[in-house]
Amino acid sequence: MEQPTVRLRPASPQDSDFFLRLRNDPVSRANSITQDEIDPQIHRDWFARSLERDDRRMYVCELHGQPCGTVRADLAADGSYELSWVTAPEFRGKGIGTAMVRTMVATLKGKVTARTKESAAASVRIAESVGFARQRVENGVINWERECP
């Protein structure tokens, strides 16, 4: 499958509902480490605080101007980044997740980590195809790592 060309743009306050829709999607929740449905007001508060944080980078992934997913990079105390991502339901199975994570990783330097559930087959494939190496598995969660030049 040819990888789609996607664009990442920084998230803005107007993206809060898109992030919430993706986060509360039943398939997304089933594949997330934290599976609870998020209350809209709790999410709005979290999202507003997240946009103000210096240690968090949140992006909307777009394909031909259409929002198709999100990716977030949290800066850890040791200088590494932890990535998390979600693809919009209507764009799943089209290589979007791999394209957006690959695009995000290309902007980072040093150690990058991620955590996925073992049972989240699509996220496992994304991590592997973007060059992450399995470090360990704990309670059904795979810890991934890679170095970015």
C-alpha atoms as a PDB file:
ATOM      1  CA  MET A   1       0.000   0.000   0.000  1.00  0.00           C
ATOM      2  CA  GLU A   2       1.362   3.407  -0.936  1.00  0.00           C
ATOM      3  CA  GLN A   3       1.650   5.626   2.100  1.00  0.00           C
ATOM      4  CA  PRO A   4      -0.608   8.687   1.967  1.00  0.00           C
ATOM      5  CA  THR A   5       0.919  12.137   2.257  1.00  0.00           C
ATOM      6  CA  VAL A   6      -0.396  13.746   5.417  1.00  0.00           C
ATOM      7  CA  ARG A   7       0.165  17.085   7.063  1.00  0.00           C
ATOM      8  CA  LEU A   8       0.429  17.718  10.787  1.00  0.00           C
ATOM      9  CA  ARG A   9      -0.741  21.042  12.124  1.00  0.00           C
ATOM     10  CA  PRO A  10      -0.619  22.179  15.735  1.00  0.00           C
ATOM     11  CA  ALA A  11      -3.877  21.611  17.574  1.00  0.00           C
ATOM     12  CA  SER A  12      -5.916  24.700  18.434  1.00  0.00           C
ATOM     13  CA  PRO A  13      -8.805  25.302  20.850  1.00  0.00           C
ATOM     14  CA  GLN A  14     -11.228  24.645  17.971  1.00  0.00           C
ATOM     15  CA  ASP A  15      -9.951  21.042  17.733  1.00  0.00           C
ATOM     16  CA  SER A  16     -11.205  20.035  21.180  1.00  0.00           C
ATOM     17  CA  ASP A  17     -14.378  18.352  19.889  1.00  0.00           C
ATOM     18  CA  PHE A  18     -12.413  16.421  17.233  1.00  0.00           C
ATOM     19  CA  PHE A  19     -10.003  15.090  19.871  1.00  0.00           C
ATOM     20  CA  LEU A  20     -12.948  14.125  22.098  1.00  0.00           C
ATOM     21  CA  ARG A  21     -14.793  12.362  19.258  1.00  0.00           C
ATOM     22  CA  LEU A  22     -11.734  10.284  18.469  1.00  0.00           C
ATOM     23  CA  ARG A  23     -10.958   9.576  22.126  1.00  0.00           C
ATOM     24  CA  ASN A  24     -14.528   8.442  22.906  1.00  0.00           C
ATOM     25  CA  ASP A  25     -14.943   6.358  19.752  1.00  0.00           C
ATOM     26  CA  PRO A  26     -15.708   2.767  20.896  1.00  0.00           C
ATOM     27  CA  VAL A  27     -12.879   1.205  18.845  1.00  0.00           C
ATOM     28  CA  SER A  28     -10.402   3.823  20.049  1.00  0.00           C
ATOM     29  CA  ARG A  29     -11.428   3.205  23.655  1.00  0.00           C
ATOM     30  CA  ALA A  30     -11.157  -0.577  23.244  1.00  0.00           C
ATOM     31  CA  ASN A  31      -7.594  -0.147  21.958  1.00  0.00           C
ATOM     32  CA  SER A  32      -6.567   2.472  24.528  1.00  0.00           C
ATOM     33  CA  ILE A  33      -4.752   1.737  27.728  1.00  0.00           C
ATOM     34  CA  THR A  34      -7.350   3.873  29.530  1.00  0.00           C
ATOM     35  CA  GLN A  35     -10.738   2.771  28.219  1.00  0.00           C
ATOM     36  CA  ASP A  36     -13.193   4.942  30.135  1.00  0.00           C
ATOM     37  CA  GLU A  37     -15.429   7.286  28.186  1.00  0.00           C
ATOM     38  CA  ILE A  38     -14.357  10.856  28.851  1.00  0.00           C
ATOM     39  CA  ASP A  39     -16.887  13.419  30.056  1.00  0.00           C
ATOM     40  CA  PRO A  40     -17.037  16.368  27.607  1.00  0.00           C
ATOM     41  CA  GLN A  41     -16.415  19.043  30.263  1.00  0.00           C
ATOM     42  CA  ILE A  42     -13.515  17.138  31.797  1.00  0.00           C
ATOM     43  CA  HIS A  43     -12.081  16.778  28.292  1.00  0.00           C
ATOM     44  CA  ARG A  44     -12.492  20.500  27.475  1.00  0.00           C
ATOM     45  CA  ASP A  45     -10.642  21.419  30.687  1.00  0.00           C
ATOM     46  CA  TRP A  46      -7.863  18.883  29.984  1.00  0.00           C
ATOM     47  CA  PHE A  47      -7.559  20.028  26.371  1.00  0.00           C
ATOM     48  CA  ALA A  48      -7.279  23.726  27.291  1.00  0.00           C
ATOM     49  CA  ARG A  49      -4.585  22.947  29.891  1.00  0.00           C
ATOM     50  CA  SER A  50      -2.756  20.671  27.426  1.00  0.00           C
ATOM     51  CA  LEU A  51      -2.533  23.398  24.797  1.00  0.00           C
ATOM     52  CA  GLU A  52      -0.800  25.646  27.341  1.00  0.00           C
ATOM     53  CA  ARG A  53       1.813  23.082  28.384  1.00  0.00           C
ATOM     54  CA  ASP A  54       5.393  23.541  27.190  1.00  0.00           C
ATOM     55  CA  ASP A  55       6.081  19.807  27.542  1.00  0.00           C
ATOM     56  CA  ARG A  56       3.212  18.639  25.293  1.00  0.00           C
ATOM     57  CA  ARG A  57       2.896  18.914  21.515  1.00  0.00           C
ATOM     58  CA  MET A  58      -0.510  18.043  20.072  1.00  0.00           C
ATOM     59  CA  TYR A  59      -1.252  17.843  16.366  1.00  0.00           C
ATOM     60  CA  VAL A  60      -4.160  17.225  14.051  1.00  0.00           C
ATOM     61  CA  CYS A  61      -3.290  15.078  11.073  1.00  0.00           C
ATOM     62  CA  GLU A  62      -4.882  16.142   7.802  1.00  0.00           C
ATOM     63  CA  LEU A  63      -5.258  14.377   4.481  1.00  0.00           C
ATOM     64  CA  HIS A  64      -6.287  16.719   1.643  1.00  0.00           C
ATOM     65  CA  GLY A  65      -7.396  19.271   4.256  1.00  0.00           C
ATOM     66  CA  GLN A  66      -9.602  16.770   6.118  1.00  0.00           C
ATOM     67  CA  PRO A  67      -8.801  15.979   9.771  1.00  0.00           C
ATOM     68  CA  CYS A  68      -8.025  12.271   9.902  1.00  0.00           C
ATOM     69  CA  GLY A  69      -6.264  11.696  13.213  1.00  0.00           C
ATOM     70  CA  THR A  70      -4.276  13.114  16.091  1.00  0.00           C
ATOM     71  CA  VAL A  71      -0.801  12.590  17.444  1.00  0.00           C
ATOM     72  CA  ARG A  72       0.687  13.844  20.681  1.00  0.00           C
ATOM     73  CA  ALA A  73       4.274  13.989  21.944  1.00  0.00           C
ATOM     74  CA  ASP A  74       4.860  14.451  25.667  1.00  0.00           C
ATOM     75  CA  LEU A  75       8.338  15.500  26.764  1.00  0.00           C
ATOM     76  CA  ALA A  76       9.596  13.423  29.705  1.00  0.00           C
ATOM     77  CA  ALA A  77      11.997  14.598  32.406  1.00  0.00           C
ATOM     78  CA  ASP A  78      14.846  12.651  30.748  1.00  0.00           C
ATOM     79  CA  GLY A  79      14.389  14.550  27.467  1.00  0.00           C
ATOM     80  CA  SER A  80      12.666  11.696  25.633  1.00  0.00           C
ATOM     81  CA  TYR A  81       9.254  11.979  23.997  1.00  0.00           C
ATOM     82  CA  GLU A  82       6.320   9.627  24.503  1.00  0.00           C
ATOM     83  CA  LEU A  83       3.996   9.434  21.508  1.00  0.00           C
ATOM     84  CA  SER A  84       0.315   8.610  21.416  1.00  0.00           C
ATOM     85  CA  TRP A  85      -1.952   8.621  18.387  1.00  0.00           C
ATOM     86  CA  VAL A  86      -5.452   7.875  17.169  1.00  0.00           C
ATOM     87  CA  THR A  87      -6.870   7.617  13.668  1.00  0.00           C
ATOM     88  CA  ALA A  88     -10.397   8.821  12.895  1.00  0.00           C
ATOM     89  CA  PRO A  89     -12.789   5.887  12.319  1.00  0.00           C
ATOM     90  CA  GLU A  90     -13.534   6.866   8.724  1.00  0.00           C
ATOM     91  CA  PHE A  91      -9.806   6.814   7.860  1.00  0.00           C
ATOM     92  CA  ARG A  92      -8.773   3.518   9.481  1.00  0.00           C
ATOM     93  CA  GLY A  93      -7.111   0.870   7.347  1.00  0.00           C
ATOM     94  CA  LYS A  94      -5.723   3.387   4.846  1.00  0.00           C
ATOM     95  CA  GLY A  95      -2.178   3.828   6.198  1.00  0.00           C
ATOM     96  CA  ILE A  96      -3.019   7.150   7.870  1.00  0.00           C
ATOM     97  CA  GLY A  97      -1.802   6.098  11.320  1.00  0.00           C
ATOM     98  CA  THR A  98       1.572   5.015   9.995  1.00  0.00           C
ATOM     99  CA  ALA A  99       1.902   8.177   7.908  1.00  0.00           C
ATOM    100  CA  MET A 100       1.098  10.517  10.790  1.00  0.00           C
ATOM    101  CA  VAL A 101       3.369   8.754  13.287  1.00  0.00           C
ATOM    102  CA  ARG A 102       6.193   8.625  10.726  1.00  0.00           C
ATOM    103  CA  THR A 103       5.688  12.355  10.016  1.00  0.00           C
ATOM    104  CA  MET A 104       5.728  13.160  13.744  1.00  0.00           C
ATOM    105  CA  VAL A 105       8.824  11.046  14.443  1.00  0.00           C
ATOM    106  CA  ALA A 106      10.675  12.904  11.677  1.00  0.00           C
ATOM    107  CA  THR A 107      10.337  16.116  13.726  1.00  0.00           C
ATOM    108  CA  LEU A 108      11.828  14.640  16.912  1.00  0.00           C
ATOM    109  CA  LYS A 109      15.381  14.091  18.103  1.00  0.00           C
ATOM    110  CA  GLY A 110      16.667  11.570  20.623  1.00  0.00           C
ATOM    111  CA  LYS A 111      14.750   8.815  22.346  1.00  0.00           C
ATOM    112  CA  VAL A 112      11.071   8.390  21.472  1.00  0.00           C
ATOM    113  CA  THR A 113       8.815   5.959  23.287  1.00  0.00           C
ATOM    114  CA  ALA A 114       5.254   4.725  22.945  1.00  0.00           C
ATOM    115  CA  ARG A 115       2.947   2.315  24.741  1.00  0.00           C
ATOM    116  CA  THR A 116       0.327   0.165  23.031  1.00  0.00           C
ATOM    117  CA  LYS A 117      -1.895  -2.644  24.131  1.00  0.00           C
ATOM    118  CA  GLU A 118      -0.753  -6.020  22.808  1.00  0.00           C
ATOM    119  CA  SER A 119      -4.275  -6.534  21.487  1.00  0.00           C
ATOM    120  CA  ALA A 120      -4.285  -3.238  19.526  1.00  0.00           C
ATOM    121  CA  ALA A 121      -3.091  -4.833  16.273  1.00  0.00           C
ATOM    122  CA  ALA A 122      -3.171  -1.639  14.205  1.00  0.00           C
ATOM    123  CA  SER A 123      -1.122   0.312  16.758  1.00  0.00           C
ATOM    124  CA  VAL A 124       1.373  -2.545  17.024  1.00  0.00           C
ATOM    125  CA  ARG A 125       1.776  -2.539  13.222  1.00  0.00           C
ATOM    126  CA  ILE A 126       2.227   1.248  13.223  1.00  0.00           C
ATOM    127  CA  ALA A 127       4.904   1.121  15.929  1.00  0.00           C
ATOM    128  CA  GLU A 128       6.789  -1.654  14.124  1.00  0.00           C
ATOM    129  CA  SER A 129       6.569  -0.019  10.701  1.00  0.00           C
ATOM    130  CA  VAL A 130       7.863   3.318  12.047  1.00  0.00           C
ATOM    131  CA  GLY A 131      10.932   1.664  13.536  1.00  0.00           C
ATOM    132  CA  PHE A 132      10.027   1.256  17.192  1.00  0.00           C
ATOM    133  CA  ALA A 133      11.547  -1.736  18.970  1.00  0.00           C
ATOM    134  CA  ARG A 134       9.732  -3.649  21.696  1.00  0.00           C
ATOM    135  CA  GLN A 135      11.370  -3.093  25.050  1.00  0.00           C
ATOM    136  CA  ARG A 136       9.103  -5.022  27.385  1.00  0.00           C
ATOM    137  CA  VAL A 137       5.506  -6.111  27.916  1.00  0.00           C
ATOM    138  CA  GLU A 138       3.760  -5.402  31.207  1.00  0.00           C
ATOM    139  CA  ASN A 139       0.142  -6.345  31.914  1.00  0.00           C
ATOM    140  CA  GLY A 140      -0.710  -6.548  28.213  1.00  0.00           C
ATOM    141  CA  VAL A 141       0.973  -3.216  27.363  1.00  0.00           C
ATOM    142  CA  ILE A 142       3.969  -3.112  25.021  1.00  0.00           C
ATOM    143  CA  ASN A 143       6.591  -0.464  25.753  1.00  0.00           C
ATOM    144  CA  TRP A 144       8.290   0.703  22.550  1.00  0.00           C
ATOM    145  CA  GLU A 145      11.418   2.755  21.941  1.00  0.00           C
ATOM    146  CA  ARG A 146      13.416   4.185  19.053  1.00  0.00           C
ATOM    147  CA  GLU A 147      16.142   6.746  18.520  1.00  0.00           C
ATOM    148  CA  CYS A 148      15.629   9.664  16.177  1.00  0.00           C
ATOM    149  CA  PRO A 149      18.721  11.255  14.642  1.00  0.00           C
END
